[in-house]
Protein backbone atom coordinates (compact mmCIF):
# COMPACT_ATOMS: atom_id res chain seq x y z
CA MET A 1 133.56 74.73 81.73
CA ILE A 2 133.02 78.46 82.32
CA THR A 3 132.55 78.98 78.59
CA LEU A 4 129.89 76.26 78.49
CA LEU A 5 128.07 77.81 81.48
CA ALA A 6 128.20 81.28 79.90
CA LEU A 7 126.89 79.88 76.63
CA ASN A 8 124.02 78.14 78.43
CA LEU A 9 123.12 81.32 80.34
CA PHE A 10 123.20 83.28 77.09
CA MET A 11 120.94 80.72 75.43
CA ILE A 12 118.49 80.80 78.35
CA TYR A 13 118.39 84.57 78.91
CA GLY A 14 119.70 85.97 75.64
CA CYS A 15 117.19 84.14 73.46
CA SER A 16 114.32 84.55 75.87
CA GLU A 17 111.63 87.05 74.94
CA LYS A 18 111.24 88.13 78.59
CA SER A 19 113.90 89.95 80.56
CA VAL A 20 115.01 88.74 83.96
CA GLN A 21 113.37 91.83 85.47
CA GLU A 22 110.05 90.97 83.78
CA LYS A 23 110.20 87.36 84.96
CA MET A 24 111.04 88.38 88.54
CA SER A 25 108.20 90.93 88.51
CA GLU A 26 105.76 88.30 87.29
CA GLN A 27 106.81 85.90 90.05
CA ALA A 28 106.55 88.57 92.75
CA LEU A 29 103.12 89.70 91.55
CA LYS A 30 101.90 86.10 91.40
CA GLN A 31 102.91 85.64 95.05
CA VAL A 32 101.13 88.85 96.07
CA ALA A 33 98.02 88.61 93.87
CA GLY A 34 97.76 84.83 93.67
CA LYS A 35 97.28 84.81 89.89
CA ASP A 36 99.36 84.73 86.73
CA VAL A 37 100.26 88.07 85.17
CA ASP A 38 102.18 89.14 82.10
CA VAL A 39 104.73 91.94 82.65
CA LYS A 40 106.39 93.97 79.91
CA ILE A 41 109.01 96.60 80.75
CA GLN A 42 110.38 99.09 78.22
CA GLY A 43 112.44 101.94 79.62
CA GLY A 44 110.27 103.82 82.11
CA ASN A 45 107.06 102.14 80.96
CA VAL A 46 105.55 99.03 82.55
CA GLN A 47 102.54 96.99 81.40
CA ILE A 48 100.90 94.39 83.63
CA ALA A 49 98.09 92.23 82.31
CA ASP A 50 96.08 89.32 83.62
CA LYS A 51 92.91 87.66 82.39
CA ASP A 52 90.71 90.41 83.91
CA SER A 53 92.62 93.67 83.53
CA ARG A 54 95.52 95.58 82.03
CA THR A 55 97.57 98.26 83.80
CA GLU A 56 100.03 100.62 82.11
CA MET A 57 102.48 102.77 84.08
CA THR A 58 104.02 105.47 81.90
CA GLU A 59 106.63 108.10 82.67
CA THR A 60 105.21 111.02 80.71
CA THR A 61 104.63 114.75 80.85
CA THR A 62 101.46 114.76 78.72
CA TRP A 63 97.78 114.45 79.56
CA PRO A 64 96.41 110.99 78.61
CA THR A 65 94.89 111.25 75.14
CA ASP A 66 92.56 108.29 75.78
CA LEU A 67 90.92 109.87 78.85
CA VAL A 68 87.30 110.76 78.04
CA SER A 69 86.56 114.37 77.09
CA ASP A 70 84.10 114.72 80.02
CA VAL A 71 87.16 115.05 82.27
CA PRO A 72 88.69 118.55 82.04
CA LYS A 73 92.41 118.67 81.41
CA PHE A 74 94.47 119.77 84.42
CA THR A 75 96.74 122.35 82.79
CA ALA A 76 98.68 123.70 85.79
CA GLY A 77 101.92 122.21 87.05
CA LYS A 78 103.65 119.30 85.39
CA ILE A 79 102.62 115.68 84.87
CA LYS A 80 105.22 113.17 86.15
CA ARG A 81 103.57 109.87 85.25
CA VAL A 82 100.25 108.24 84.47
CA ILE A 83 98.93 104.86 85.58
CA LYS A 84 95.98 103.53 83.58
CA THR A 85 93.97 100.41 84.40
CA GLN A 86 91.34 98.91 82.11
CA GLU A 87 89.08 96.10 83.38
CA GLN A 88 87.19 93.64 81.17
CA THR A 89 83.98 94.83 82.86
CA GLY A 90 84.41 98.24 81.19
CA SER A 91 85.67 99.91 84.36
CA TRP A 92 88.75 102.07 84.03
CA THR A 93 90.99 104.23 86.23
CA PHE A 94 93.59 106.89 85.44
CA ASN A 95 96.01 108.04 88.17
CA ILE A 96 97.78 111.20 87.06
CA TYR A 97 100.75 112.24 89.21
CA LEU A 98 101.31 116.02 89.25
CA GLU A 99 103.96 118.37 90.62
CA GLY A 100 104.34 122.13 90.82
CA ILE A 101 100.68 122.79 91.71
CA SER A 102 99.06 125.28 94.07
CA GLY A 103 95.80 125.62 95.97
CA ASP A 104 94.56 128.10 93.37
CA ASP A 105 95.27 125.54 90.64
CA VAL A 106 93.05 123.02 92.44
CA LYS A 107 90.27 125.60 92.91
CA ASN A 108 90.46 126.51 89.21
CA TYR A 109 90.23 122.82 88.33
CA GLU A 110 87.16 122.45 90.54
CA ASN A 111 85.54 125.34 88.63
CA ALA A 112 86.40 123.70 85.30
CA MET A 113 84.83 120.46 86.51
CA ARG A 114 81.64 122.21 87.60
CA GLU A 115 81.41 123.94 84.22
CA MET A 116 81.46 120.45 82.63
CA GLY A 117 78.62 119.19 84.85
CA TRP A 118 80.58 117.53 87.65
CA GLN A 119 79.35 117.67 91.25
CA THR A 120 82.37 118.51 93.39
CA ASP A 121 83.42 118.82 97.00
CA LEU A 122 86.70 120.53 97.94
CA MET A 123 88.06 119.94 101.42
CA GLN A 124 91.23 121.89 102.19
CA MET A 125 93.14 121.38 105.44
CA GLY A 126 94.64 124.80 106.07
CA ASP A 127 97.88 125.33 104.20
CA LYS A 128 98.78 121.62 104.26
CA GLY A 129 96.69 120.24 101.39
CA GLY A 130 93.39 118.51 100.93
CA TYR A 131 91.05 116.57 98.68
CA LEU A 132 88.88 117.42 95.74
CA ASN A 133 86.21 114.82 95.02
CA GLY A 134 83.82 114.77 92.12
CA GLN A 135 81.15 112.72 90.42
CA LYS A 136 79.48 112.80 87.04
CA GLY A 137 77.24 109.89 86.08
CA THR A 138 79.21 106.66 86.52
CA MET A 139 82.51 108.56 86.72
CA GLY A 140 84.23 109.64 89.88
CA MET A 141 87.31 111.64 90.74
CA ASN A 142 89.54 111.89 93.82
CA PHE A 143 92.35 114.43 93.87
CA GLY A 144 94.62 114.32 96.89
CA PHE A 145 97.07 117.22 96.97
CA SER A 146 99.82 118.57 99.21
CA LEU A 147 100.36 122.32 99.29
CA GLU A 148 103.62 121.85 101.18
CA ARG A 149 105.14 119.57 98.52
CA LYS A 150 103.15 121.23 95.71
CA ASP A 151 102.11 117.86 94.27
CA GLY A 152 99.14 115.55 94.05
CA VAL A 153 97.49 112.54 92.47
CA LEU A 154 94.41 113.01 90.33
CA ALA A 155 92.49 109.71 90.14
CA VAL A 156 89.64 109.52 87.65
CA PHE A 157 87.54 106.36 87.35
CA ASN A 158 84.47 104.93 85.69
CA ARG A 159 82.35 102.15 87.19
CA PRO A 160 79.53 101.47 84.70
C-alpha cells in the first residue's frame, strides 16, 4: 500500500513540469491578485507572468544589461538583486537593490544623472538617509537609501 502511494506521488509530482513550490506560489498569488499567474523558479531566480505583465526577480551582482542607456549605471557599492517588470502597455520598471553605498555615492549618481539630461531632486534626512528622485521624458526614478544600513533601492520606470 505504501509503495503504491509513493508511486502515485512520484507520478503526480515527479512527472509534473511544475514544482510544488511553483504550484503553491501560483495559488497564493491567485488568492492575492485574483488572477491566474504562471510561476517559474530556478535557484535564486523567480519569474511571474500573467496575461498583462511579466516580472523577473534575479539574485545577481551585475547591472541589468537590458536597462536603457539613458539611465546611468550606479557603479558604487554592490548589487544584491534586480526585479524587472514588463507590461504589455510598454511600461517597465527595474528595482535594483544595492548595499555598501554612501551619501557621496548618491550625490555622485545625481551628478551623473544630470549630465545625462535628468531633472533631479535629492532630499537627505541628516545622517539617516533620504531620497533621490529624477525624471527624463517618460522615465522616472526613485532612489530610497539608508546611510545607517548603507543600502538602498534604485527604482527606474518608464510610463509611455
